[in-house]
């Protein structure tokens, strides 16, 4: 459990630092260091935290059970993961109606993913992992709104291809994780037994 907690602290420490760093001219560390060095350091710290999270999560099994969700919530989680995957892909596509409506589709995808997994998993390591991602998603969205970063503006051009690609690729990723990749990547089947 120690490595999981340490990983969460490092990973979200870097992300929260980036969220709340000063953006005032002359005080912005990103401007002082330069884009490349700042992003390089940010990426290395985040990667180190992520590796510790993955390793620590697996090492924490079996974890104490905090609550036992009813089976229906595992099924609800499966339903929630489809829009989460579509939103995640939409974040990297040209602006379509999905991206425009979500404003920050990656953050929304992370919040849906984390919430769904909290509904379906009551072990301590799962609650720490998914609860941390959900809390960060909420905090970062509030910070973005306060900074006036509202995502694609109302006048941003809309591409139907962005939406089509997000739905097709997102559904494909969802199917691949659901049917094959979840046990390989995460050591557990996605489909409830």
C-alpha atoms as a PDB file:
ATOM      1  CA  UNK A   1       0.000   0.000   0.000  1.00  0.00           C
ATOM      2  CA  UNK A   2       2.966   2.301   0.675  1.00  0.00           C
ATOM      3  CA  UNK A   3       4.057   2.349  -2.982  1.00  0.00           C
ATOM      4  CA  UNK A   4       0.523   3.060  -4.156  1.00  0.00           C
ATOM      5  CA  UNK A   5       0.190   6.001  -1.766  1.00  0.00           C
ATOM      6  CA  UNK A   6       3.670   7.306  -2.644  1.00  0.00           C
ATOM      7  CA  UNK A   7       2.831   7.042  -6.356  1.00  0.00           C
ATOM      8  CA  UNK A   8      -0.436   8.922  -5.871  1.00  0.00           C
ATOM      9  CA  UNK A   9       1.379  11.680  -3.958  1.00  0.00           C
ATOM     10  CA  UNK A  10       4.068  12.056  -6.632  1.00  0.00           C
ATOM     11  CA  UNK A  11       1.693  11.809  -9.615  1.00  0.00           C
ATOM     12  CA  UNK A  12      -0.953  14.165  -8.268  1.00  0.00           C
ATOM     13  CA  UNK A  13       1.654  16.408  -6.637  1.00  0.00           C
ATOM     14  CA  UNK A  14       3.038  17.154 -10.113  1.00  0.00           C
ATOM     15  CA  UNK A  15      -0.453  17.595 -11.552  1.00  0.00           C
ATOM     16  CA  UNK A  16      -1.651  19.853  -8.711  1.00  0.00           C
ATOM     17  CA  UNK A  17       1.545  21.908  -8.911  1.00  0.00           C
ATOM     18  CA  UNK A  18       0.859  22.439 -12.604  1.00  0.00           C
ATOM     19  CA  UNK A  19      -2.791  23.273 -11.912  1.00  0.00           C
ATOM     20  CA  UNK A  20      -2.059  25.880  -9.239  1.00  0.00           C
ATOM     21  CA  UNK A  21       1.311  27.300 -10.372  1.00  0.00           C
ATOM     22  CA  UNK A  22       1.468  31.038 -10.873  1.00  0.00           C
ATOM     23  CA  UNK A  23       0.797  32.111 -14.417  1.00  0.00           C
ATOM     24  CA  UNK A  24       1.728  35.748 -13.782  1.00  0.00           C
ATOM     25  CA  UNK A  25       4.350  37.133 -16.185  1.00  0.00           C
ATOM     26  CA  UNK A  26       7.799  36.804 -14.638  1.00  0.00           C
ATOM     27  CA  UNK A  27       6.555  34.328 -12.007  1.00  0.00           C
ATOM     28  CA  UNK A  28       5.463  31.446 -14.244  1.00  0.00           C
ATOM     29  CA  UNK A  29       7.973  28.622 -13.794  1.00  0.00           C
ATOM     30  CA  UNK A  30       6.940  27.186 -17.148  1.00  0.00           C
ATOM     31  CA  UNK A  31       8.050  30.400 -18.853  1.00  0.00           C
ATOM     32  CA  UNK A  32      11.229  30.623 -16.764  1.00  0.00           C
ATOM     33  CA  UNK A  33      12.359  27.067 -17.519  1.00  0.00           C
ATOM     34  CA  UNK A  34      11.037  27.034 -21.068  1.00  0.00           C
ATOM     35  CA  UNK A  35       8.331  24.796 -22.498  1.00  0.00           C
ATOM     36  CA  UNK A  36      10.602  21.825 -23.291  1.00  0.00           C
ATOM     37  CA  UNK A  37      12.447  21.558 -19.943  1.00  0.00           C
ATOM     38  CA  UNK A  38       9.281  22.197 -17.927  1.00  0.00           C
ATOM     39  CA  UNK A  39       7.262  19.558 -19.793  1.00  0.00           C
ATOM     40  CA  UNK A  40      10.200  17.131 -19.664  1.00  0.00           C
ATOM     41  CA  UNK A  41      10.510  17.452 -15.874  1.00  0.00           C
ATOM     42  CA  UNK A  42       6.735  17.339 -15.423  1.00  0.00           C
ATOM     43  CA  UNK A  43       6.526  14.205 -17.582  1.00  0.00           C
ATOM     44  CA  UNK A  44       9.365  12.427 -15.742  1.00  0.00           C
ATOM     45  CA  UNK A  45       7.875  13.120 -12.316  1.00  0.00           C
ATOM     46  CA  UNK A  46       4.393  12.097 -13.512  1.00  0.00           C
ATOM     47  CA  UNK A  47       5.758   8.914 -15.090  1.00  0.00           C
ATOM     48  CA  UNK A  48       7.608   7.982 -11.900  1.00  0.00           C
ATOM     49  CA  UNK A  49       4.398   8.477  -9.920  1.00  0.00           C
ATOM     50  CA  UNK A  50       2.378   6.496 -12.455  1.00  0.00           C
ATOM     51  CA  UNK A  51       4.805   3.553 -12.351  1.00  0.00           C
ATOM     52  CA  UNK A  52       4.595   3.513  -8.547  1.00  0.00           C
ATOM     53  CA  UNK A  53       0.780   3.657  -8.748  1.00  0.00           C
ATOM     54  CA  UNK A  54       0.597   0.687 -11.114  1.00  0.00           C
ATOM     55  CA  UNK A  55       3.099  -1.365  -9.156  1.00  0.00           C
ATOM     56  CA  UNK A  56       1.690  -0.359  -5.772  1.00  0.00           C
ATOM     57  CA  UNK A  57      -1.896  -1.107  -6.805  1.00  0.00           C
ATOM     58  CA  UNK A  58      -0.989  -4.660  -7.817  1.00  0.00           C
ATOM     59  CA  UNK A  59       1.228  -5.163  -4.763  1.00  0.00           C
ATOM     60  CA  UNK A  60      -1.631  -4.072  -2.483  1.00  0.00           C
ATOM     61  CA  UNK A  61      -3.750  -7.070  -3.535  1.00  0.00           C
ATOM     62  CA  UNK A  62      -5.538  -8.556  -1.726  1.00  0.00           C
ATOM     63  CA  UNK A  63      -6.638  -5.335  -0.066  1.00  0.00           C
ATOM     64  CA  UNK A  64      -9.061  -4.873   2.816  1.00  0.00           C
ATOM     65  CA  UNK A  65     -12.657  -4.532   1.623  1.00  0.00           C
ATOM     66  CA  UNK A  66     -14.280  -1.271   2.686  1.00  0.00           C
ATOM     67  CA  UNK A  67     -17.643  -1.985   1.070  1.00  0.00           C
ATOM     68  CA  UNK A  68     -19.197  -4.649  -1.137  1.00  0.00           C
ATOM     69  CA  UNK A  69     -21.069  -3.088  -4.025  1.00  0.00           C
ATOM     70  CA  UNK A  70     -24.201  -4.807  -5.337  1.00  0.00           C
ATOM     71  CA  UNK A  71     -23.608  -6.603  -8.685  1.00  0.00           C
ATOM     72  CA  UNK A  72     -25.722  -4.075 -10.546  1.00  0.00           C
ATOM     73  CA  UNK A  73     -23.105  -1.387  -9.952  1.00  0.00           C
ATOM     74  CA  UNK A  74     -20.483  -3.432 -11.794  1.00  0.00           C
ATOM     75  CA  UNK A  75     -22.855  -3.517 -14.752  1.00  0.00           C
ATOM     76  CA  UNK A  76     -23.438   0.238 -14.468  1.00  0.00           C
ATOM     77  CA  UNK A  77     -19.661   0.707 -14.521  1.00  0.00           C
ATOM     78  CA  UNK A  78     -19.531  -1.195 -17.828  1.00  0.00           C
ATOM     79  CA  UNK A  79     -22.139   1.178 -19.279  1.00  0.00           C
ATOM     80  CA  UNK A  80     -20.264   4.271 -18.035  1.00  0.00           C
ATOM     81  CA  UNK A  81     -16.974   3.185 -19.593  1.00  0.00           C
ATOM     82  CA  UNK A  82     -18.276   3.558 -23.162  1.00  0.00           C
ATOM     83  CA  UNK A  83     -18.872   7.333 -22.940  1.00  0.00           C
ATOM     84  CA  UNK A  84     -15.654   7.652 -20.923  1.00  0.00           C
ATOM     85  CA  UNK A  85     -13.650   6.076 -23.779  1.00  0.00           C
ATOM     86  CA  UNK A  86     -15.417   8.204 -26.390  1.00  0.00           C
ATOM     87  CA  UNK A  87     -14.699  11.372 -24.402  1.00  0.00           C
ATOM     88  CA  UNK A  88     -11.073  10.352 -23.898  1.00  0.00           C
ATOM     89  CA  UNK A  89     -10.592   9.919 -27.644  1.00  0.00           C
ATOM     90  CA  UNK A  90     -12.537  13.142 -28.377  1.00  0.00           C
ATOM     91  CA  UNK A  91      -9.929  15.061 -26.368  1.00  0.00           C
ATOM     92  CA  UNK A  92      -7.369  14.252 -29.071  1.00  0.00           C
ATOM     93  CA  UNK A  93      -9.586  14.715 -32.133  1.00  0.00           C
ATOM     94  CA  UNK A  94     -10.480  17.870 -34.032  1.00  0.00           C
ATOM     95  CA  UNK A  95     -13.195  19.804 -32.224  1.00  0.00           C
ATOM     96  CA  UNK A  96     -16.582  18.238 -32.801  1.00  0.00           C
ATOM     97  CA  UNK A  97     -19.866  18.602 -30.964  1.00  0.00           C
ATOM     98  CA  UNK A  98     -18.717  16.115 -28.298  1.00  0.00           C
ATOM     99  CA  UNK A  99     -15.547  18.042 -27.501  1.00  0.00           C
ATOM    100  CA  UNK A 100     -17.358  21.376 -27.615  1.00  0.00           C
ATOM    101  CA  UNK A 101     -20.131  20.207 -25.277  1.00  0.00           C
ATOM    102  CA  UNK A 102     -17.743  18.534 -22.817  1.00  0.00           C
ATOM    103  CA  UNK A 103     -15.356  21.537 -22.834  1.00  0.00           C
ATOM    104  CA  UNK A 104     -12.610  19.401 -21.256  1.00  0.00           C
ATOM    105  CA  UNK A 105     -13.392  15.884 -22.489  1.00  0.00           C
ATOM    106  CA  UNK A 106     -10.316  14.242 -20.980  1.00  0.00           C
ATOM    107  CA  UNK A 107     -11.157  15.488 -17.489  1.00  0.00           C
ATOM    108  CA  UNK A 108     -14.777  14.425 -17.905  1.00  0.00           C
ATOM    109  CA  UNK A 109     -13.615  10.994 -19.114  1.00  0.00           C
ATOM    110  CA  UNK A 110     -11.349  10.606 -16.059  1.00  0.00           C
ATOM    111  CA  UNK A 111     -14.168  11.601 -13.697  1.00  0.00           C
ATOM    112  CA  UNK A 112     -16.617   9.149 -15.283  1.00  0.00           C
ATOM    113  CA  UNK A 113     -13.970   6.367 -15.295  1.00  0.00           C
ATOM    114  CA  UNK A 114     -13.078   6.965 -11.648  1.00  0.00           C
ATOM    115  CA  UNK A 115     -16.703   7.290 -10.486  1.00  0.00           C
ATOM    116  CA  UNK A 116     -17.736   4.127 -12.316  1.00  0.00           C
ATOM    117  CA  UNK A 117     -14.871   2.156 -10.828  1.00  0.00           C
ATOM    118  CA  UNK A 118     -15.672   3.444  -7.325  1.00  0.00           C
ATOM    119  CA  UNK A 119     -19.204   2.118  -7.795  1.00  0.00           C
ATOM    120  CA  UNK A 120     -17.903  -1.317  -8.756  1.00  0.00           C
ATOM    121  CA  UNK A 121     -14.884  -1.744  -6.432  1.00  0.00           C
ATOM    122  CA  UNK A 122     -14.847  -1.459  -2.658  1.00  0.00           C
ATOM    123  CA  UNK A 123     -11.298  -2.595  -1.857  1.00  0.00           C
ATOM    124  CA  UNK A 124      -9.027  -0.088  -0.095  1.00  0.00           C
ATOM    125  CA  UNK A 125      -6.524   0.094  -2.966  1.00  0.00           C
ATOM    126  CA  UNK A 126      -9.350   0.727  -5.468  1.00  0.00           C
ATOM    127  CA  UNK A 127     -10.924   3.417  -3.313  1.00  0.00           C
ATOM    128  CA  UNK A 128      -7.552   5.175  -2.931  1.00  0.00           C
ATOM    129  CA  UNK A 129      -6.789   4.960  -6.650  1.00  0.00           C
ATOM    130  CA  UNK A 130     -10.152   5.861  -8.148  1.00  0.00           C
ATOM    131  CA  UNK A 131     -11.040   8.315  -5.378  1.00  0.00           C
ATOM    132  CA  UNK A 132      -7.793  10.207  -6.016  1.00  0.00           C
ATOM    133  CA  UNK A 133      -8.457  10.432  -9.748  1.00  0.00           C
ATOM    134  CA  UNK A 134     -12.042  11.589  -9.159  1.00  0.00           C
ATOM    135  CA  UNK A 135     -10.969  14.214  -6.620  1.00  0.00           C
ATOM    136  CA  UNK A 136      -8.255  15.499  -8.936  1.00  0.00           C
ATOM    137  CA  UNK A 137     -10.684  15.675 -11.867  1.00  0.00           C
ATOM    138  CA  UNK A 138     -13.099  17.791  -9.841  1.00  0.00           C
ATOM    139  CA  UNK A 139     -10.339  20.063  -8.473  1.00  0.00           C
ATOM    140  CA  UNK A 140      -8.731  20.584 -11.879  1.00  0.00           C
ATOM    141  CA  UNK A 141     -12.062  21.359 -13.577  1.00  0.00           C
ATOM    142  CA  UNK A 142     -12.841  23.999 -10.948  1.00  0.00           C
ATOM    143  CA  UNK A 143      -9.348  25.493 -11.354  1.00  0.00           C
ATOM    144  CA  UNK A 144      -9.719  25.610 -15.145  1.00  0.00           C
ATOM    145  CA  UNK A 145     -13.060  27.373 -14.851  1.00  0.00           C
ATOM    146  CA  UNK A 146     -11.632  29.945 -12.413  1.00  0.00           C
ATOM    147  CA  UNK A 147      -8.760  30.659 -14.812  1.00  0.00           C
ATOM    148  CA  UNK A 148     -11.282  31.209 -17.587  1.00  0.00           C
ATOM    149  CA  UNK A 149     -10.149  28.156 -19.551  1.00  0.00           C
ATOM    150  CA  UNK A 150     -13.493  26.935 -20.789  1.00  0.00           C
ATOM    151  CA  UNK A 151     -12.280  24.677 -23.593  1.00  0.00           C
ATOM    152  CA  UNK A 152     -13.242  25.264 -27.222  1.00  0.00           C
ATOM    153  CA  UNK A 153     -15.083  28.580 -27.422  1.00  0.00           C
ATOM    154  CA  UNK A 154     -18.578  29.024 -28.828  1.00  0.00           C
ATOM    155  CA  UNK A 155     -17.107  30.255 -32.132  1.00  0.00           C
ATOM    156  CA  UNK A 156     -14.738  27.284 -32.558  1.00  0.00           C
ATOM    157  CA  UNK A 157     -15.387  25.484 -35.853  1.00  0.00           C
ATOM    158  CA  UNK A 158     -17.005  22.083 -35.483  1.00  0.00           C
ATOM    159  CA  UNK A 159     -15.819  19.020 -37.388  1.00  0.00           C
ATOM    160  CA  UNK A 160     -18.192  16.099 -37.830  1.00  0.00           C
ATOM    161  CA  UNK A 161     -15.096  13.956 -38.480  1.00  0.00           C
ATOM    162  CA  UNK A 162     -13.917  14.690 -34.931  1.00  0.00           C
ATOM    163  CA  UNK A 163     -17.149  13.232 -33.550  1.00  0.00           C
ATOM    164  CA  UNK A 164     -17.169  10.259 -35.923  1.00  0.00           C
ATOM    165  CA  UNK A 165     -13.547   9.414 -35.079  1.00  0.00           C
ATOM    166  CA  UNK A 166     -14.190   9.804 -31.340  1.00  0.00           C
ATOM    167  CA  UNK A 167     -17.198   7.458 -31.427  1.00  0.00           C
ATOM    168  CA  UNK A 168     -15.631   4.820 -33.698  1.00  0.00           C
ATOM    169  CA  UNK A 169     -12.197   4.761 -32.051  1.00  0.00           C
ATOM    170  CA  UNK A 170     -13.642   5.162 -28.530  1.00  0.00           C
ATOM    171  CA  UNK A 171     -16.049   2.255 -29.075  1.00  0.00           C
ATOM    172  CA  UNK A 172     -13.192   0.164 -30.490  1.00  0.00           C
ATOM    173  CA  UNK A 173     -10.975   0.901 -27.477  1.00  0.00           C
ATOM    174  CA  UNK A 174     -13.905   0.112 -25.169  1.00  0.00           C
ATOM    175  CA  UNK A 175     -14.522  -3.248 -26.882  1.00  0.00           C
ATOM    176  CA  UNK A 176     -10.832  -4.159 -26.842  1.00  0.00           C
ATOM    177  CA  UNK A 177     -10.504  -3.385 -23.126  1.00  0.00           C
ATOM    178  CA  UNK A 178     -13.782  -5.093 -22.271  1.00  0.00           C
ATOM    179  CA  UNK A 179     -13.148  -8.286 -24.228  1.00  0.00           C
ATOM    180  CA  UNK A 180      -9.367  -8.749 -24.141  1.00  0.00           C
ATOM    181  CA  UNK A 181      -7.134  -6.115 -22.595  1.00  0.00           C
ATOM    182  CA  UNK A 182      -8.541  -5.587 -19.089  1.00  0.00           C
ATOM    183  CA  UNK A 183      -7.283  -8.951 -17.720  1.00  0.00           C
ATOM    184  CA  UNK A 184      -3.914  -8.511 -19.459  1.00  0.00           C
ATOM    185  CA  UNK A 185      -3.359  -4.924 -18.314  1.00  0.00           C
ATOM    186  CA  UNK A 186      -5.073  -4.960 -14.932  1.00  0.00           C
ATOM    187  CA  UNK A 187      -5.116  -8.610 -13.871  1.00  0.00           C
ATOM    188  CA  UNK A 188      -8.894  -8.865 -13.640  1.00  0.00           C
ATOM    189  CA  UNK A 189     -11.658  -9.480 -16.175  1.00  0.00           C
ATOM    190  CA  UNK A 190     -13.804  -6.448 -16.967  1.00  0.00           C
ATOM    191  CA  UNK A 191     -16.949  -8.509 -17.364  1.00  0.00           C
ATOM    192  CA  UNK A 192     -18.512  -9.498 -14.028  1.00  0.00           C
ATOM    193  CA  UNK A 193     -18.528 -13.240 -13.398  1.00  0.00           C
END
